[in-house]
Amino acid sequence: MCDIPGLLVRLEAEDLTRLREAGTENPLEPGMIAAIDAAAGGPGEGRGYYVVKGSLYPVEAREYHLREDVAEALLASEGTSAGVAS
């Protein structure tokens, strides 16, 4: 099960900013996928927080997007301390 609030807290502030700036309609860049994976616990661990939109094949052409509920939580947390270490 995904821990969306926990993920947002573990993401670096600059990663949160980059995700918000990219918007919900744009595919995730490889660096953002890596940041989500790291915040979720390691390589590939963030797969529950993003999904493939469009065709699954060829693999190289896959577009990954934040899951809708993750994107909503990300936008709702804007201006809060989510992702900022205290």
N, C-alpha and C. Protein backbone atom coordinates (compact mmCIF):
# COMPACT_ATOMS: atom_id res chain seq x y z
N MET A 1 0.84 -1.18 0.00
CA MET A 1 0.00 0.00 0.00
C MET A 1 0.89 1.24 0.00
N CYS A 2 0.48 2.23 -0.73
CA CYS A 2 1.26 3.46 -0.85
C CYS A 2 1.02 4.38 0.34
N ASP A 3 2.11 4.97 0.81
CA ASP A 3 2.06 5.95 1.90
C ASP A 3 2.34 7.32 1.29
N ILE A 4 1.32 7.92 0.72
CA ILE A 4 1.49 9.19 0.01
C ILE A 4 2.01 10.29 0.92
N PRO A 5 1.43 10.52 2.10
CA PRO A 5 1.98 11.57 2.97
C PRO A 5 3.43 11.30 3.34
N GLY A 6 3.77 10.04 3.60
CA GLY A 6 5.14 9.68 3.93
C GLY A 6 6.09 9.95 2.77
N LEU A 7 5.66 9.65 1.57
CA LEU A 7 6.48 9.92 0.39
C LEU A 7 6.75 11.41 0.26
N LEU A 8 5.72 12.21 0.41
CA LEU A 8 5.87 13.66 0.26
C LEU A 8 6.83 14.23 1.29
N VAL A 9 6.81 13.67 2.49
CA VAL A 9 7.72 14.13 3.54
C VAL A 9 9.16 13.75 3.21
N ARG A 10 9.34 12.58 2.60
CA ARG A 10 10.70 12.11 2.30
C ARG A 10 11.30 12.70 1.04
N LEU A 11 10.48 13.28 0.17
CA LEU A 11 11.02 13.92 -1.04
C LEU A 11 11.74 15.21 -0.66
N GLU A 12 12.83 15.49 -1.34
CA GLU A 12 13.56 16.74 -1.13
C GLU A 12 12.69 17.91 -1.58
N ALA A 13 12.87 19.07 -0.95
CA ALA A 13 12.08 20.25 -1.29
C ALA A 13 12.21 20.61 -2.77
N GLU A 14 13.42 20.52 -3.31
CA GLU A 14 13.60 20.86 -4.73
C GLU A 14 12.89 19.87 -5.64
N ASP A 15 12.80 18.60 -5.23
CA ASP A 15 12.07 17.61 -6.02
C ASP A 15 10.57 17.90 -6.00
N LEU A 16 10.06 18.27 -4.85
CA LEU A 16 8.65 18.65 -4.75
C LEU A 16 8.35 19.83 -5.67
N THR A 17 9.24 20.81 -5.66
CA THR A 17 9.06 21.99 -6.52
C THR A 17 9.08 21.60 -7.99
N ARG A 18 10.03 20.76 -8.38
CA ARG A 18 10.12 20.32 -9.77
C ARG A 18 8.89 19.53 -10.19
N LEU A 19 8.37 18.68 -9.31
CA LEU A 19 7.16 17.93 -9.63
C LEU A 19 5.97 18.85 -9.82
N ARG A 20 5.85 19.83 -8.93
CA ARG A 20 4.73 20.78 -9.05
C ARG A 20 4.85 21.60 -10.33
N GLU A 21 6.06 22.04 -10.66
CA GLU A 21 6.27 22.85 -11.85
C GLU A 21 5.99 22.06 -13.13
N ALA A 22 6.28 20.77 -13.12
CA ALA A 22 6.05 19.93 -14.29
C ALA A 22 4.55 19.75 -14.55
N GLY A 23 3.75 19.85 -13.51
CA GLY A 23 2.31 19.68 -13.66
C GLY A 23 1.91 18.22 -13.72
N THR A 24 0.64 18.00 -13.76
CA THR A 24 0.12 16.63 -13.72
C THR A 24 -0.03 15.99 -15.10
N GLU A 25 -0.01 16.78 -16.14
CA GLU A 25 -0.21 16.24 -17.48
C GLU A 25 1.09 15.83 -18.16
N ASN A 26 2.22 16.34 -17.68
CA ASN A 26 3.50 16.03 -18.30
C ASN A 26 4.08 14.74 -17.74
N PRO A 27 4.77 13.96 -18.61
CA PRO A 27 5.39 12.74 -18.11
C PRO A 27 6.53 13.06 -17.15
N LEU A 28 6.80 12.13 -16.25
CA LEU A 28 7.89 12.29 -15.30
C LEU A 28 9.22 12.11 -16.01
N GLU A 29 10.16 12.98 -15.69
CA GLU A 29 11.52 12.84 -16.21
C GLU A 29 12.20 11.71 -15.44
N PRO A 30 13.22 11.09 -16.03
CA PRO A 30 13.93 10.01 -15.33
C PRO A 30 14.46 10.43 -13.95
N GLY A 31 14.92 11.65 -13.81
CA GLY A 31 15.41 12.12 -12.51
C GLY A 31 14.31 12.19 -11.47
N MET A 32 13.11 12.51 -11.88
CA MET A 32 11.99 12.56 -10.94
C MET A 32 11.56 11.15 -10.54
N ILE A 33 11.61 10.23 -11.49
CA ILE A 33 11.31 8.83 -11.15
C ILE A 33 12.32 8.32 -10.14
N ALA A 34 13.59 8.65 -10.35
CA ALA A 34 14.64 8.23 -9.40
C ALA A 34 14.42 8.85 -8.03
N ALA A 35 13.99 10.11 -7.97
CA ALA A 35 13.74 10.78 -6.69
C ALA A 35 12.56 10.13 -5.97
N ILE A 36 11.52 9.79 -6.70
CA ILE A 36 10.35 9.13 -6.10
C ILE A 36 10.75 7.74 -5.60
N ASP A 37 11.51 7.01 -6.42
CA ASP A 37 11.98 5.69 -6.00
C ASP A 37 12.80 5.78 -4.71
N ALA A 38 13.73 6.75 -4.66
CA ALA A 38 14.58 6.91 -3.48
C ALA A 38 13.75 7.24 -2.24
N ALA A 39 12.77 8.13 -2.40
CA ALA A 39 11.92 8.50 -1.27
C ALA A 39 11.04 7.34 -0.82
N ALA A 40 10.75 6.43 -1.74
CA ALA A 40 9.91 5.27 -1.43
C ALA A 40 10.72 4.10 -0.87
N GLY A 41 12.04 4.21 -0.89
CA GLY A 41 12.84 3.16 -0.29
C GLY A 41 13.95 2.58 -1.13
N GLY A 42 14.05 2.96 -2.39
CA GLY A 42 15.14 2.47 -3.22
C GLY A 42 14.71 2.26 -4.66
N PRO A 43 15.64 1.78 -5.49
CA PRO A 43 15.35 1.61 -6.92
C PRO A 43 14.09 0.78 -7.17
N GLY A 44 13.18 1.34 -7.94
CA GLY A 44 11.95 0.65 -8.30
C GLY A 44 10.86 0.66 -7.25
N GLU A 45 11.15 1.15 -6.05
CA GLU A 45 10.17 1.11 -4.96
C GLU A 45 9.04 2.13 -5.13
N GLY A 46 9.20 3.10 -6.01
CA GLY A 46 8.17 4.11 -6.20
C GLY A 46 7.13 3.75 -7.23
N ARG A 47 7.20 2.53 -7.77
CA ARG A 47 6.30 2.15 -8.85
C ARG A 47 4.83 2.28 -8.51
N GLY A 48 4.47 2.22 -7.27
CA GLY A 48 3.07 2.38 -6.91
C GLY A 48 2.60 3.83 -6.92
N TYR A 49 3.55 4.76 -7.01
CA TYR A 49 3.21 6.18 -6.98
C TYR A 49 3.09 6.79 -8.37
N TYR A 50 3.60 6.10 -9.37
CA TYR A 50 3.47 6.57 -10.75
C TYR A 50 3.01 5.41 -11.62
N VAL A 51 2.38 5.76 -12.74
CA VAL A 51 1.79 4.76 -13.63
C VAL A 51 2.17 5.07 -15.07
N VAL A 52 2.05 4.06 -15.92
CA VAL A 52 2.29 4.24 -17.35
C VAL A 52 1.00 4.76 -17.97
N LYS A 53 1.13 5.80 -18.78
CA LYS A 53 0.00 6.28 -19.58
C LYS A 53 0.33 6.01 -21.03
N GLY A 54 -0.64 5.49 -21.75
CA GLY A 54 -0.41 5.18 -23.15
C GLY A 54 0.07 3.76 -23.33
N SER A 55 0.82 3.55 -24.39
CA SER A 55 1.27 2.22 -24.78
C SER A 55 2.36 1.70 -23.85
N LEU A 56 2.32 0.41 -23.59
CA LEU A 56 3.35 -0.24 -22.80
C LEU A 56 4.58 -0.60 -23.64
N TYR A 57 4.39 -0.68 -24.94
CA TYR A 57 5.49 -1.10 -25.83
C TYR A 57 5.64 -0.10 -26.95
N PRO A 58 6.84 0.23 -27.36
CA PRO A 58 8.10 -0.29 -26.85
C PRO A 58 8.40 0.29 -25.47
N VAL A 59 9.15 -0.44 -24.70
CA VAL A 59 9.47 -0.05 -23.32
C VAL A 59 10.13 1.32 -23.29
N GLU A 60 11.00 1.60 -24.24
CA GLU A 60 11.73 2.86 -24.28
C GLU A 60 10.82 4.07 -24.46
N ALA A 61 9.63 3.85 -24.98
CA ALA A 61 8.71 4.96 -25.25
C ALA A 61 7.65 5.14 -24.16
N ARG A 62 7.74 4.37 -23.09
CA ARG A 62 6.75 4.50 -22.02
C ARG A 62 6.81 5.89 -21.40
N GLU A 63 5.63 6.40 -21.07
CA GLU A 63 5.53 7.66 -20.35
C GLU A 63 4.97 7.38 -18.97
N TYR A 64 5.70 7.78 -17.95
CA TYR A 64 5.28 7.60 -16.58
C TYR A 64 4.72 8.90 -16.05
N HIS A 65 3.58 8.80 -15.35
CA HIS A 65 2.91 9.96 -14.76
C HIS A 65 2.60 9.64 -13.30
N LEU A 66 2.52 10.70 -12.49
CA LEU A 66 2.09 10.50 -11.11
C LEU A 66 0.69 9.93 -11.11
N ARG A 67 0.45 9.01 -10.21
CA ARG A 67 -0.91 8.52 -10.02
C ARG A 67 -1.79 9.70 -9.63
N GLU A 68 -3.04 9.69 -10.00
CA GLU A 68 -3.93 10.83 -9.79
C GLU A 68 -4.01 11.25 -8.32
N ASP A 69 -4.14 10.31 -7.41
CA ASP A 69 -4.24 10.67 -6.00
C ASP A 69 -2.92 11.21 -5.45
N VAL A 70 -1.80 10.76 -6.00
CA VAL A 70 -0.49 11.28 -5.59
C VAL A 70 -0.35 12.72 -6.08
N ALA A 71 -0.75 12.98 -7.32
CA ALA A 71 -0.69 14.33 -7.86
C ALA A 71 -1.58 15.28 -7.06
N GLU A 72 -2.77 14.84 -6.69
CA GLU A 72 -3.67 15.67 -5.90
C GLU A 72 -3.06 16.00 -4.54
N ALA A 73 -2.46 15.01 -3.90
CA ALA A 73 -1.82 15.24 -2.59
C ALA A 73 -0.62 16.16 -2.74
N LEU A 74 0.14 16.01 -3.81
CA LEU A 74 1.29 16.87 -4.06
C LEU A 74 0.85 18.33 -4.20
N LEU A 75 -0.18 18.56 -4.98
CA LEU A 75 -0.66 19.93 -5.18
C LEU A 75 -1.30 20.48 -3.91
N ALA A 76 -1.98 19.63 -3.16
CA ALA A 76 -2.62 20.07 -1.92
C ALA A 76 -1.59 20.43 -0.86
N SER A 77 -0.40 19.81 -0.94
CA SER A 77 0.63 20.07 0.07
C SER A 77 1.48 21.30 -0.26
N GLU A 78 1.22 21.93 -1.39
CA GLU A 78 2.01 23.10 -1.77
C GLU A 78 1.91 24.18 -0.68
N GLY A 79 3.05 24.68 -0.31
CA GLY A 79 3.08 25.73 0.72
C GLY A 79 3.16 25.18 2.13
N THR A 80 3.19 23.84 2.26
CA THR A 80 3.33 23.24 3.60
C THR A 80 4.76 22.78 3.77
N SER A 81 5.03 22.17 4.88
CA SER A 81 6.38 21.70 5.16
C SER A 81 6.67 20.32 4.60
N ALA A 82 5.77 19.76 3.80
CA ALA A 82 6.00 18.43 3.24
C ALA A 82 7.29 18.43 2.45
N GLY A 83 8.13 17.47 2.75
CA GLY A 83 9.39 17.35 2.05
C GLY A 83 10.50 18.20 2.62
N VAL A 84 10.24 19.00 3.60
CA VAL A 84 11.26 19.84 4.20
C VAL A 84 11.69 19.24 5.51
N ALA A 85 12.94 18.90 5.60
CA ALA A 85 13.46 18.32 6.83
C ALA A 85 13.53 19.38 7.91
N SER A 86 13.14 19.00 9.12
CA SER A 86 13.18 19.97 10.21
C SER A 86 14.32 19.71 11.14
